[in-house]
Each structure stands twice: as structure tokens, then as C-alpha cells.
Amino acid sequence: MSRIHRGVRCVIPYGVSAFALSLAVSAASVQAQDAPVQADSGAALEEIVVTGFRASLANALNIKRNEAGVVDAISAEDIADFPDTNLAESIQRIPGVSIDRDAGEGRSLTVRGLSSEFTRTRINGIEAQATTGATDSSGGTNRGRGFDFNVFASELFNNITVRKTASAEVEEGSLGATVDLKTSRPFDFNGFTAAASAQAGYNDLSEKVNPRGAVLLSNTWLDDQIGALLSVAYSERDLLEEGFSSVRWGPASGDNGFRNPAALPGGASSAGGVFHPRIPRYGRLVHNQERTGATLSLQAKPNEGNTTVSFDMLYSKLDSTRQENFLEAWSLSRNASQGGKPGVSIVQSEVDSQTGEMLYAVFNGMDIRSEQRFDVLKTEFTQYTLDIDHEFSETVRANLTGGRAKSNFDNPVQTTVLMDRQDIDGYSWDFRENSNLPLINYGTWDVTKPETWTLTGPTGAQPRSEIRMNPTFQT
């Protein structure tokens, strides 16, 4: 009598809780223990295969076990279960990896203390470069060797491997680490596979609902000799940031010092040990972005399965707009020739005796600036890869990989409008109640009156224009 095998494969869609699956498996186990033992009747047996979160952990462990060097890996189910907005935030979960953020989400990596300039990134075996723009405080436009991971949605990738040590089979090019990213392929699944996820997030500051979704379709034909896979990911994000920034702290003696340094608590001789915000400012930043990504993979196994040919395509597009609004005290970062700090008088101040920070201060002669900047940012990334893998025997294997990657960054609109109000008396800040969010007072001047602002810079023989346009392009 022949034995019948029926395989039932359980595919976990992105976003489904692994905890729920474990409960289901545990419940089935309890029921199986409670069922009475029956004698073998010789009937056909049915085999049930469940693939889930545990399998992804085993896959990641196998990758680490089979590598000669120090390697950490994340597999597909792990990536899908993380509540990450982009690829950088998924990679940061690997030990020794930290990220730099822009607009509230991860952008670039730091591995074992070495910045993104020392880390190389490969996608499907091909070294690649991706560039985005950011605020000045987040580094601005990436013009170096660093890789901006926020271009990609994490759902597009099936495996992430961070190689922290050099090895003979990996070509040199990084001091920090080599990050290998792999998109999904049809032979990663058994037969037809479909997975989808959808979610929405609400930001109570921007008061907007942001959708996010992903779809994956994969199938194989001719007894798993050929296969095709398509995945698409889409997300929107609206973010509002507001708060205080100091633009670093500087000594009271810097830029030729205040007009009356003797008014400091320790007198003029203490100015070198007293520190103040260089540009104390209230900021309000509005970010709107739309991320679209897709992968296409075609695979074939001719020659009785000893040869595997894979063609992979990756496309990602990140469109965003950003508006920055700052209301700032500008005098404290300028010298005498610019009409800055030497024209400012200290009326009253209080200094932290331990750190030298100027916790509370009232000034006369302060120049105030309203800075408004608007950016349109676009990044488009494409990559095509052909991979041929042939096994001559169980111990001899050859691999040939070739491809082309291209990243286009476009910042067609970057317009900054600066409006000044000079010589304000009674300007003050107060950090005594909150070290991160001071109380700022503009004296008797009403900042909401437009007629009191001017579009010219500091008074002088050649006043400069205060409207700036600086578009940027990078390929």
C-alpha cells in the first residue's frame, strides 16, 4: 500500500503576530495530548508542515553558523514583524548597529562606532549608493560614501546580513561593516504564495492619517524549474516637529564677547567659562513624504537543477516636501563686523556653577530673525542584477553576478526667506524650569506684527539680500 503525503504550508502575512501563531500551535499540541491513543490501522498518514516565525529565527541562526566571520542576520518574518518605517530602522535591531535620524525616522547607519562613510552596502550582491536630502542639522544632502537607507521600505527585503569582519570571499571596501541586502525570490517559497499587509497611523500633531501597505505574489511552474515574484510597497507620512534648538553652545567670550561682560555673575574674567546658546530658536518643521517601492524577480533551474539563474529588479522612489520655520535670536553667533554679539548688553543673568550654562538671561540690543525654508526632495533608485549559480559537485560551486545600480537625487526647490528685526530690548530665555524647553520672551516687541519686519540684513554699506534659492541635483 502506498503512503500518501499531503503538504499544507502556512504562510504568515506581513504584520500577523507570531504570538497568535504560537498560541494556535500550543492549543493544537494540548488537544493532541488529550486525544486517546488509537491502534495503527494502516491508514494513509497526513503530513502537516507549518512554517512561521520560528523558521525565520532558525534561518538567521543558520546564516551566522555557516559564516566564518562575525555576521548578524535578520530574515523575512523578523523584518515584517518589526514596526519599522523604513529599512534603516530594521537594521538597527542588529547588535552593534545604531542609526542617525532625519524627520523622525532612520536614515544612515553607524556600525561599532564607525559612521556610514566606513560602511559598504550591497543589494543582491552588487554595491550600491542611495542619496537623500535632509535638514542642515541632520547633515544636509548626502554627498559622501554613506548609504541613505530611508529610500527603501523594509517590506521589499527578504534577508539582511551585516558582516562585521573581513573575509576572503568578500571584496574589500569598508572598515565598519558590509551590509548585504537581499530581495525576495520565487525559489524562496514553495509554489504559489501570496502575502499582504495594510495599516494606518495617526499623528496627533499633524492631525493626519497615513496609510501603509505591501503586497507579495510568487509562483513556480514546471516542477519548480521556473518562477516569478512581484512585490510592491507604498507608504505616506506626514510629520510635524516643533520645539527648541540651540544650534550648539558657545562661550560668552566668543565673537569678541558681549558689550558689558562685567555684568556676568563672575565678572568679565569668567566669560570664557560661561556658555550660551549660539542661536536660541523656536522651530516648527512640517514633513510630507511618499515612498513607493517594487521588486521583480525571475528564476530558472535548467540543467537538472545544478544551475540557478536569477534576474532581480529593484525600484524605489521617495518624494517629500519640507517646510522649516524658525524664530531665532541671531546676534549671539555674529561678531562685531556683522553687528552681532558686541552690540548686545547683558541686563540680568543666572549661571549654573557646575556646568557654566547661562540658565537665565535678559538682553538689550538683540537682533531677531524669522527664517522660513521650503524644500522639494526627490530620490529615484533603480537596480538590475543577473546572478548565475552552478554546482559542479557537492564541494565545487561557481557564482557569477553582474548588475547596474543608479540613484538620482533632485532638490529642484530650496527657497529660504529671512526677515529681521533689530535691536530688541528685554529679550530673555529661562531654562530653570525645563533644561530642554526654555521660556522665551521677546520683551515689549510683538513678533506677530508684519510691519515691524524687514527683508534686509544688518545695517551697513552693502546690505545683503535675504531671499535665497539653492536647488541641488546629484546622480
Protein backbone atom coordinates (compact mmCIF):
# COMPACT_ATOMS: atom_id res chain seq x y z
CA MET A 1 0.00 0.00 0.00
CA SER A 2 1.41 3.36 -0.99
CA ARG A 3 1.85 6.17 1.56
CA ILE A 4 0.13 9.43 0.83
CA HIS A 5 1.86 12.74 1.79
CA ARG A 6 -0.06 15.97 1.76
CA GLY A 7 1.84 19.17 2.50
CA VAL A 8 -0.10 22.06 3.96
CA ARG A 9 2.01 25.22 4.09
CA CYS A 10 1.01 28.08 6.37
CA VAL A 11 2.29 31.46 5.11
CA ILE A 12 2.26 34.24 7.67
CA PRO A 13 1.28 37.56 6.07
CA TYR A 14 3.34 40.63 6.98
CA GLY A 15 2.12 42.13 10.22
CA VAL A 16 0.49 38.97 11.65
CA SER A 17 1.51 38.37 15.25
CA ALA A 18 3.82 35.44 15.86
CA PHE A 19 2.38 35.25 19.38
CA ALA A 20 -1.02 34.36 17.95
CA LEU A 21 0.58 31.61 15.89
CA SER A 22 2.36 30.17 18.93
CA LEU A 23 -0.93 30.07 20.82
CA ALA A 24 -2.56 28.20 17.97
CA VAL A 25 0.26 25.67 17.79
CA SER A 26 0.24 25.24 21.59
CA ALA A 27 -3.52 24.65 21.60
CA ALA A 28 -3.15 22.03 18.88
CA SER A 29 -0.44 20.35 20.93
CA VAL A 30 -2.65 20.19 24.03
CA GLN A 31 -5.51 18.69 22.06
CA ALA A 32 -3.18 16.09 20.60
CA GLN A 33 -2.05 15.06 24.09
CA ASP A 34 -5.63 14.74 25.34
CA ALA A 35 -6.75 12.60 22.42
CA PRO A 36 -6.95 8.84 23.14
CA VAL A 37 -4.23 6.65 21.67
CA GLN A 38 -5.50 4.63 18.71
CA ALA A 39 -4.00 1.50 17.27
CA ASP A 40 -2.28 1.72 13.90
CA SER A 41 -4.91 0.77 11.36
CA GLY A 42 -2.58 1.01 8.40
CA ALA A 43 -4.46 4.04 7.02
CA ALA A 44 -2.74 6.71 4.98
CA LEU A 45 -0.89 9.32 7.03
CA GLU A 46 -1.22 13.06 6.52
CA GLU A 47 1.80 15.31 6.99
CA ILE A 48 1.28 18.93 8.07
CA VAL A 49 4.18 21.38 7.71
CA VAL A 50 3.90 24.74 9.46
CA THR A 51 6.36 27.49 8.53
CA GLY A 52 6.37 30.62 10.68
CA PHE A 53 8.33 32.90 12.98
CA ARG A 54 10.39 30.04 14.41
CA ALA A 55 11.60 29.13 10.93
CA SER A 56 12.85 32.68 10.35
CA LEU A 57 14.87 32.55 13.55
CA ALA A 58 16.37 29.23 12.52
CA ASN A 59 17.25 30.67 9.11
CA ALA A 60 19.05 33.63 10.69
CA LEU A 61 20.96 31.30 13.02
CA ASN A 62 22.00 29.09 10.11
CA ILE A 63 23.40 32.10 8.27
CA LYS A 64 25.52 33.02 11.30
CA ARG A 65 26.57 29.40 11.86
CA ASN A 66 27.75 28.87 8.28
CA GLU A 67 29.83 32.06 8.11
CA ALA A 68 33.50 32.05 9.07
CA GLY A 69 33.45 35.70 10.20
CA VAL A 70 31.32 37.71 12.62
CA VAL A 71 27.90 38.04 10.99
CA ASP A 72 24.43 39.06 12.17
CA ALA A 73 21.29 38.48 10.11
CA ILE A 74 17.56 39.19 10.03
CA SER A 75 15.15 37.13 7.94
CA ALA A 76 11.85 37.96 6.27
CA GLU A 77 9.41 37.22 9.08
CA ASP A 78 11.52 39.20 11.55
CA ILE A 79 11.59 42.22 9.24
CA ALA A 80 7.82 42.07 8.70
CA ASP A 81 7.01 41.83 12.38
CA PHE A 82 9.00 44.94 13.32
CA PRO A 83 7.01 48.21 13.41
CA ASP A 84 9.70 49.97 11.36
CA THR A 85 9.03 52.83 8.97
CA ASN A 86 11.97 52.04 6.69
CA LEU A 87 14.94 49.75 6.13
CA ALA A 88 17.35 51.64 8.42
CA GLU A 89 15.14 51.07 11.44
CA SER A 90 15.05 47.32 10.76
CA ILE A 91 18.84 47.09 10.51
CA GLN A 92 19.37 48.97 13.79
CA ARG A 93 17.97 45.95 15.67
CA ILE A 94 21.21 44.11 14.91
CA PRO A 95 23.72 44.32 17.81
CA GLY A 96 26.44 46.92 17.27
CA VAL A 97 24.38 48.96 14.78
CA SER A 98 22.94 52.40 15.52
CA ILE A 99 21.26 54.89 13.21
CA ASP A 100 21.10 58.61 12.53
CA ARG A 101 17.60 60.02 12.13
CA ASP A 102 16.01 62.69 9.99
CA ALA A 103 12.35 63.73 10.04
CA GLY A 104 11.71 61.27 12.84
CA GLU A 105 12.93 58.14 11.04
CA GLY A 106 16.21 56.33 10.44
CA ARG A 107 18.48 57.45 7.63
CA SER A 108 22.10 56.19 7.88
CA LEU A 109 23.99 53.56 9.90
CA THR A 110 26.85 53.57 12.37
CA VAL A 111 28.47 50.16 12.96
CA ARG A 112 30.69 49.66 16.02
CA GLY A 113 31.23 53.42 16.29
CA LEU A 114 32.24 53.93 12.65
CA SER A 115 29.97 56.23 10.61
CA SER A 116 28.21 55.41 7.36
CA GLU A 117 31.25 56.64 5.41
CA PHE A 118 33.04 53.46 6.51
CA THR A 119 30.19 51.04 5.77
CA ARG A 120 29.60 49.45 2.37
CA THR A 121 26.16 48.35 1.20
CA ARG A 122 25.42 45.64 -1.36
CA ILE A 123 21.99 44.83 -2.79
CA ASN A 124 21.65 41.35 -4.28
CA GLY A 125 25.46 41.15 -4.41
CA ILE A 126 26.01 44.49 -6.19
CA GLU A 127 27.50 47.51 -4.39
CA ALA A 128 25.05 50.42 -4.49
CA GLN A 129 24.67 54.03 -3.44
CA ALA A 130 21.48 55.85 -2.39
CA THR A 131 21.20 59.57 -1.65
CA THR A 132 18.54 61.71 0.01
CA GLY A 133 18.37 65.24 1.36
CA ALA A 134 17.86 66.28 4.97
CA THR A 135 17.79 69.29 7.24
CA ASP A 136 21.10 71.06 7.85
CA SER A 137 21.11 69.78 11.43
CA SER A 138 20.86 66.21 10.08
CA GLY A 139 23.77 66.59 7.66
CA GLY A 140 22.01 68.04 4.62
CA THR A 141 22.35 66.28 1.27
CA ASN A 142 24.44 63.13 1.34
CA ARG A 143 27.49 63.77 -0.86
CA GLY A 144 29.79 61.11 0.57
CA ARG A 145 30.13 57.32 0.57
CA GLY A 146 27.34 56.83 3.11
CA PHE A 147 24.15 55.00 2.16
CA ASP A 148 20.72 56.51 2.93
CA PHE A 149 18.52 53.56 3.87
CA ASN A 150 15.34 55.62 4.26
CA VAL A 151 14.90 55.42 0.48
CA PHE A 152 13.59 51.84 0.87
CA ALA A 153 10.62 50.24 2.58
CA SER A 154 11.66 47.33 4.80
CA GLU A 155 8.97 45.06 3.25
CA LEU A 156 10.93 44.85 -0.02
CA PHE A 157 13.73 42.74 1.50
CA ASN A 158 13.85 39.08 2.44
CA ASN A 159 17.18 39.00 4.25
CA ILE A 160 19.60 41.49 5.84
CA THR A 161 23.14 40.44 6.74
CA VAL A 162 25.71 42.67 8.46
CA ARG A 163 29.29 41.39 8.03
CA LYS A 164 31.36 42.94 10.82
CA THR A 165 34.68 41.29 9.93
CA ALA A 166 36.57 40.98 6.66
CA SER A 167 36.75 37.66 4.83
CA ALA A 168 38.43 36.38 1.66
CA GLU A 169 35.23 35.87 -0.30
CA VAL A 170 34.01 39.44 0.30
CA GLU A 171 35.92 42.11 -1.60
CA GLU A 172 37.41 44.91 0.49
CA GLY A 173 35.96 48.39 0.70
CA SER A 174 34.77 49.02 4.25
CA LEU A 175 36.28 49.49 7.70
CA GLY A 176 32.98 49.37 9.57
CA ALA A 177 30.91 46.60 8.00
CA THR A 178 29.49 45.24 4.78
CA VAL A 179 25.69 45.29 4.74
CA ASP A 180 24.17 42.72 2.37
CA LEU A 181 20.53 43.23 1.40
CA LYS A 182 18.58 40.60 -0.49
CA THR A 183 15.16 40.96 -2.04
CA SER A 184 12.73 38.05 -2.18
CA ARG A 185 12.97 35.44 -4.94
CA PRO A 186 10.38 32.87 -6.09
CA PHE A 187 12.51 29.87 -5.11
CA ASP A 188 12.47 31.17 -1.51
CA PHE A 189 8.86 29.90 -1.37
CA ASN A 190 7.12 26.62 -2.18
CA GLY A 191 4.73 27.04 -5.07
CA PHE A 192 2.17 29.81 -5.11
CA THR A 193 2.49 32.34 -2.29
CA ALA A 194 0.53 35.50 -1.62
CA ALA A 195 1.01 37.87 1.29
CA ALA A 196 -0.35 41.31 2.03
CA SER A 197 -0.35 43.85 4.83
CA ALA A 198 -2.17 47.10 5.42
CA GLN A 199 -2.08 49.58 8.26
CA ALA A 200 -2.73 53.21 9.04
CA GLY A 201 -1.14 55.57 11.52
CA TYR A 202 -2.45 58.78 13.03
CA ASN A 203 -0.23 61.68 14.07
CA ASP A 204 -1.96 63.85 16.66
CA LEU A 205 0.28 66.85 15.88
CA SER A 206 -0.17 66.88 12.10
CA GLU A 207 -3.73 65.54 12.57
CA LYS A 208 -3.44 63.30 9.51
CA VAL A 209 -3.91 59.58 8.86
CA ASN A 210 -1.04 57.91 6.97
CA PRO A 211 -1.63 54.65 5.03
CA ARG A 212 0.95 51.94 4.56
CA GLY A 213 0.67 48.66 2.67
CA ALA A 214 2.59 45.89 0.93
CA VAL A 215 1.71 43.00 -1.42
CA LEU A 216 3.79 39.99 -2.47
CA LEU A 217 2.87 37.44 -5.17
CA SER A 218 5.08 34.49 -6.05
CA ASN A 219 4.68 31.25 -8.01
CA THR A 220 6.72 28.45 -9.60
CA TRP A 221 5.95 26.27 -12.61
CA LEU A 222 7.23 23.16 -14.43
CA ASP A 223 8.04 21.28 -11.24
CA ASP A 224 9.76 24.32 -9.68
CA GLN A 225 12.06 24.86 -12.66
CA ILE A 226 10.97 28.45 -13.28
CA GLY A 227 9.44 31.06 -11.02
CA ALA A 228 8.40 34.69 -10.80
CA LEU A 229 7.86 37.07 -7.89
CA LEU A 230 6.46 40.58 -7.65
CA SER A 231 6.27 42.73 -4.52
CA VAL A 232 5.06 46.29 -4.06
CA ALA A 233 5.21 48.56 -1.00
CA TYR A 234 3.70 52.00 -0.50
CA SER A 235 3.53 54.42 2.41
CA GLU A 236 2.74 58.03 3.20
CA ARG A 237 3.97 60.03 6.16
CA ASP A 238 3.04 63.47 7.45
CA LEU A 239 5.06 64.73 10.38
CA LEU A 240 5.10 67.90 12.43
CA GLU A 241 8.10 68.69 14.65
CA GLU A 242 8.27 71.66 16.95
CA GLY A 243 10.46 72.68 19.84
CA PHE A 244 13.64 74.48 20.87
CA SER A 245 17.14 74.16 19.42
CA SER A 246 20.36 75.90 20.45
CA VAL A 247 22.49 75.29 17.31
CA ARG A 248 25.28 74.36 19.74
CA TRP A 249 26.51 76.34 22.77
CA GLY A 250 29.29 78.91 22.63
CA PRO A 251 31.41 80.79 25.21
CA ALA A 252 30.35 84.24 26.34
CA SER A 253 33.82 85.47 25.34
CA GLY A 254 33.47 84.24 21.73
CA ASP A 255 32.94 86.51 18.69
CA ASN A 256 34.52 89.44 20.61
CA GLY A 257 32.16 88.99 23.57
CA PHE A 258 29.19 90.94 24.90
CA ARG A 259 29.15 94.71 25.21
CA ASN A 260 29.30 94.54 29.02
CA PRO A 261 30.85 91.19 30.13
CA ALA A 262 31.28 92.62 33.62
CA ALA A 263 27.53 92.08 34.13
CA LEU A 264 28.09 88.30 34.28
CA PRO A 265 27.78 86.77 37.78
CA GLY A 266 31.54 86.12 37.90
CA GLY A 267 32.54 89.33 36.16
CA ALA A 268 34.34 89.80 32.84
CA SER A 269 37.06 87.31 33.79
CA SER A 270 34.51 84.47 33.91
CA ALA A 271 33.27 84.95 30.32
CA GLY A 272 35.43 82.12 28.95
CA GLY A 273 33.74 79.62 31.27
CA VAL A 274 30.16 80.80 30.69
CA PHE A 275 28.24 79.27 27.80
CA HIS A 276 25.08 80.36 25.97
CA PRO A 277 23.03 79.01 23.01
CA ARG A 278 24.58 80.24 19.76
CA ILE A 279 21.22 80.68 18.03
CA PRO A 280 18.41 80.10 20.54
CA ARG A 281 15.33 79.44 18.45
CA TYR A 282 11.85 78.03 18.37
CA GLY A 283 11.36 75.75 15.37
CA ARG A 284 8.42 74.25 13.55
CA LEU A 285 9.13 71.70 10.80
CA VAL A 286 6.50 70.12 8.56
CA HIS A 287 7.47 66.96 6.62
CA ASN A 288 5.33 65.25 3.98
CA GLN A 289 6.67 62.19 2.20
CA GLU A 290 5.54 59.41 -0.09
CA ARG A 291 7.57 56.21 -0.51
CA THR A 292 6.93 53.71 -3.32
CA GLY A 293 8.93 50.55 -3.94
CA ALA A 294 8.74 47.41 -6.07
CA THR A 295 10.76 44.28 -6.76
CA LEU A 296 10.58 41.80 -9.63
CA SER A 297 12.44 38.50 -9.60
CA LEU A 298 12.61 35.78 -12.29
CA GLN A 299 14.38 32.46 -11.65
CA ALA A 300 15.08 29.30 -13.62
CA LYS A 301 16.75 25.97 -12.82
CA PRO A 302 17.86 24.32 -16.07
CA ASN A 303 20.41 21.51 -16.26
CA GLU A 304 18.59 19.27 -13.76
CA GLY A 305 18.70 21.88 -11.03
CA ASN A 306 22.50 22.24 -10.89
CA THR A 307 22.31 25.75 -12.34
CA THR A 308 20.18 28.55 -10.97
CA VAL A 309 19.72 31.74 -12.99
CA SER A 310 18.19 34.75 -11.19
CA PHE A 311 17.23 38.15 -12.56
CA ASP A 312 16.25 40.78 -9.98
CA MET A 313 14.91 44.28 -10.38
CA LEU A 314 14.55 46.80 -7.53
CA TYR A 315 12.86 50.18 -7.80
CA SER A 316 12.23 52.74 -5.09
CA LYS A 317 11.04 56.34 -5.14
CA LEU A 318 10.96 58.77 -2.23
CA ASP A 319 9.16 62.07 -2.77
CA SER A 320 8.95 64.60 0.03
CA THR A 321 8.42 68.24 0.84
CA ARG A 322 9.73 70.00 3.92
CA GLN A 323 8.97 73.39 5.40
CA GLU A 324 11.17 74.79 8.17
CA ASN A 325 10.14 77.81 10.23
CA PHE A 326 12.41 79.30 12.90
CA LEU A 327 12.10 82.32 15.15
CA GLU A 328 15.62 82.94 16.42
CA ALA A 329 17.94 85.33 18.23
CA TRP A 330 20.62 85.89 15.62
CA SER A 331 23.09 88.25 17.32
CA LEU A 332 24.81 85.67 19.52
CA SER A 333 26.52 83.90 16.59
CA ARG A 334 27.93 87.03 14.90
CA ASN A 335 30.98 89.17 15.60
CA ALA A 336 31.39 92.93 15.71
CA SER A 337 31.84 93.38 11.95
CA GLN A 338 28.45 91.73 11.44
CA GLY A 339 26.75 93.86 14.09
CA GLY A 340 26.37 90.87 16.39
CA LYS A 341 27.22 89.96 19.99
CA PRO A 342 29.36 93.05 20.80
CA GLY A 343 26.21 95.13 20.35
CA VAL A 344 24.24 93.08 22.91
CA SER A 345 24.10 94.12 26.57
CA ILE A 346 23.51 91.75 29.49
CA VAL A 347 20.76 93.12 31.74
CA GLN A 348 20.45 90.14 34.07
CA SER A 349 21.76 86.57 34.09
CA GLU A 350 21.99 83.40 36.16
CA VAL A 351 24.70 80.79 35.52
CA ASP A 352 24.92 77.15 36.58
CA SER A 353 28.03 77.00 38.77
CA GLN A 354 28.73 73.37 37.79
CA THR A 355 28.37 73.48 34.00
CA GLY A 356 28.74 77.20 33.25
CA GLU A 357 25.45 77.21 31.32
CA MET A 358 23.61 80.52 31.23
CA LEU A 359 20.26 79.28 32.59
CA TYR A 360 18.52 82.64 32.66
CA ALA A 361 19.36 85.89 30.89
CA VAL A 362 17.80 89.20 29.82
CA PHE A 363 19.39 91.18 26.99
CA ASN A 364 19.11 94.56 25.26
CA GLY A 365 20.07 95.19 21.65
CA MET A 366 19.24 91.68 20.42
CA ASP A 367 18.58 91.08 16.69
CA ILE A 368 15.70 88.69 15.94
CA ARG A 369 15.27 86.72 12.73
CA SER A 370 12.40 84.78 11.17
CA GLU A 371 13.74 82.05 8.89
CA GLN A 372 11.45 80.17 6.51
CA ARG A 373 12.73 77.47 4.17
CA PHE A 374 10.84 75.25 1.73
CA ASP A 375 12.31 72.14 0.02
CA VAL A 376 11.06 69.72 -2.61
CA LEU A 377 13.07 66.48 -2.44
CA LYS A 378 13.01 63.53 -4.84
CA THR A 379 15.07 60.33 -4.89
CA GLU A 380 14.69 57.58 -7.50
CA PHE A 381 16.68 54.35 -7.21
CA THR A 382 16.83 51.52 -9.77
CA GLN A 383 18.90 48.35 -9.88
CA TYR A 384 19.09 45.37 -12.23
CA THR A 385 21.01 42.23 -11.27
CA LEU A 386 21.77 38.94 -13.04
CA ASP A 387 23.06 36.07 -10.91
CA ILE A 388 24.18 32.65 -12.21
CA ASP A 389 25.00 29.93 -9.69
CA HIS A 390 26.25 26.47 -10.75
CA GLU A 391 27.11 23.45 -8.62
CA PHE A 392 29.70 21.21 -10.25
CA SER A 393 29.64 18.87 -7.26
CA GLU A 394 28.86 18.88 -3.57
CA THR A 395 32.13 20.67 -2.87
CA VAL A 396 32.72 22.77 -6.03
CA ARG A 397 30.49 25.70 -6.82
CA ALA A 398 30.75 28.78 -9.06
CA ASN A 399 28.86 32.06 -8.98
CA LEU A 400 28.71 34.93 -11.45
CA THR A 401 26.95 38.18 -10.54
CA GLY A 402 26.60 41.37 -12.55
CA GLY A 403 24.30 44.35 -12.49
CA ARG A 404 23.78 48.08 -12.54
CA ALA A 405 22.51 50.43 -9.83
CA LYS A 406 21.60 54.10 -10.20
CA SER A 407 20.42 56.70 -7.70
CA ASN A 408 19.13 60.12 -8.77
CA PHE A 409 18.59 62.82 -6.16
CA ASP A 410 16.76 66.02 -7.10
CA ASN A 411 16.19 69.06 -4.90
CA PRO A 412 14.63 71.39 -7.53
CA VAL A 413 13.21 73.82 -4.98
CA GLN A 414 15.10 75.11 -1.97
CA THR A 415 13.95 78.63 -1.15
CA THR A 416 14.78 80.47 2.06
CA VAL A 417 13.24 83.77 3.11
CA LEU A 418 14.82 85.68 6.02
CA MET A 419 13.15 88.58 7.82
CA ASP A 420 14.91 90.61 10.52
CA ARG A 421 14.01 92.85 13.42
CA GLN A 422 16.96 94.62 15.02
CA ASP A 423 17.82 95.98 18.46
CA ILE A 424 15.15 94.37 20.61
CA ASP A 425 15.27 95.23 24.31
CA GLY A 426 14.07 92.89 27.03
CA TYR A 427 14.70 89.64 25.11
CA SER A 428 15.13 86.71 27.54
CA TRP A 429 15.32 82.94 27.93
CA ASP A 430 14.77 80.81 31.02
CA PHE A 431 15.97 77.19 31.35
CA ARG A 432 15.40 76.98 35.10
CA GLU A 433 12.09 75.10 34.90
CA ASN A 434 12.96 72.88 31.90
CA SER A 435 16.50 72.29 30.66
CA ASN A 436 15.25 71.22 27.20
CA LEU A 437 12.42 73.67 26.59
CA PRO A 438 13.12 77.21 27.83
CA LEU A 439 10.68 80.07 28.20
CA ILE A 440 11.50 82.69 25.56
CA ASN A 441 10.30 86.27 25.83
CA TYR A 442 10.70 88.96 23.17
CA GLY A 443 10.34 91.91 25.51
CA THR A 444 7.88 94.64 24.58
CA TRP A 445 8.06 93.81 20.86
CA ASP A 446 5.12 91.99 19.24
CA VAL A 447 6.56 89.39 16.82
CA THR A 448 3.17 88.94 15.13
CA LYS A 449 3.14 92.42 13.56
CA PRO A 450 4.35 92.08 9.95
CA GLU A 451 5.05 95.79 9.52
CA THR A 452 7.90 95.59 12.03
CA TRP A 453 9.91 93.08 9.96
CA THR A 454 12.32 93.91 7.13
CA LEU A 455 13.80 91.85 4.27
CA THR A 456 17.28 93.35 4.56
CA GLY A 457 20.18 92.09 6.63
CA PRO A 458 22.33 94.01 9.14
CA THR A 459 22.81 97.70 8.51
CA GLY A 460 25.99 98.55 6.63
CA ALA A 461 27.41 99.86 3.39
CA GLN A 462 26.29 96.79 1.43
CA PRO A 463 23.18 95.14 2.90
CA ARG A 464 22.65 91.66 1.51
CA SER A 465 19.51 90.14 0.02
CA GLU A 466 17.55 87.86 2.37
CA ILE A 467 15.88 85.64 -0.24
CA ARG A 468 17.96 82.58 -1.15
CA MET A 469 17.38 79.93 -3.82
CA ASN A 470 19.70 76.91 -3.87
CA PRO A 471 18.46 73.95 -5.96
CA THR A 472 20.60 70.80 -5.83
CA PHE A 473 20.98 67.79 -8.12
CA GLN A 474 23.05 64.67 -7.63
CA THR A 475 23.39 61.43 -9.58
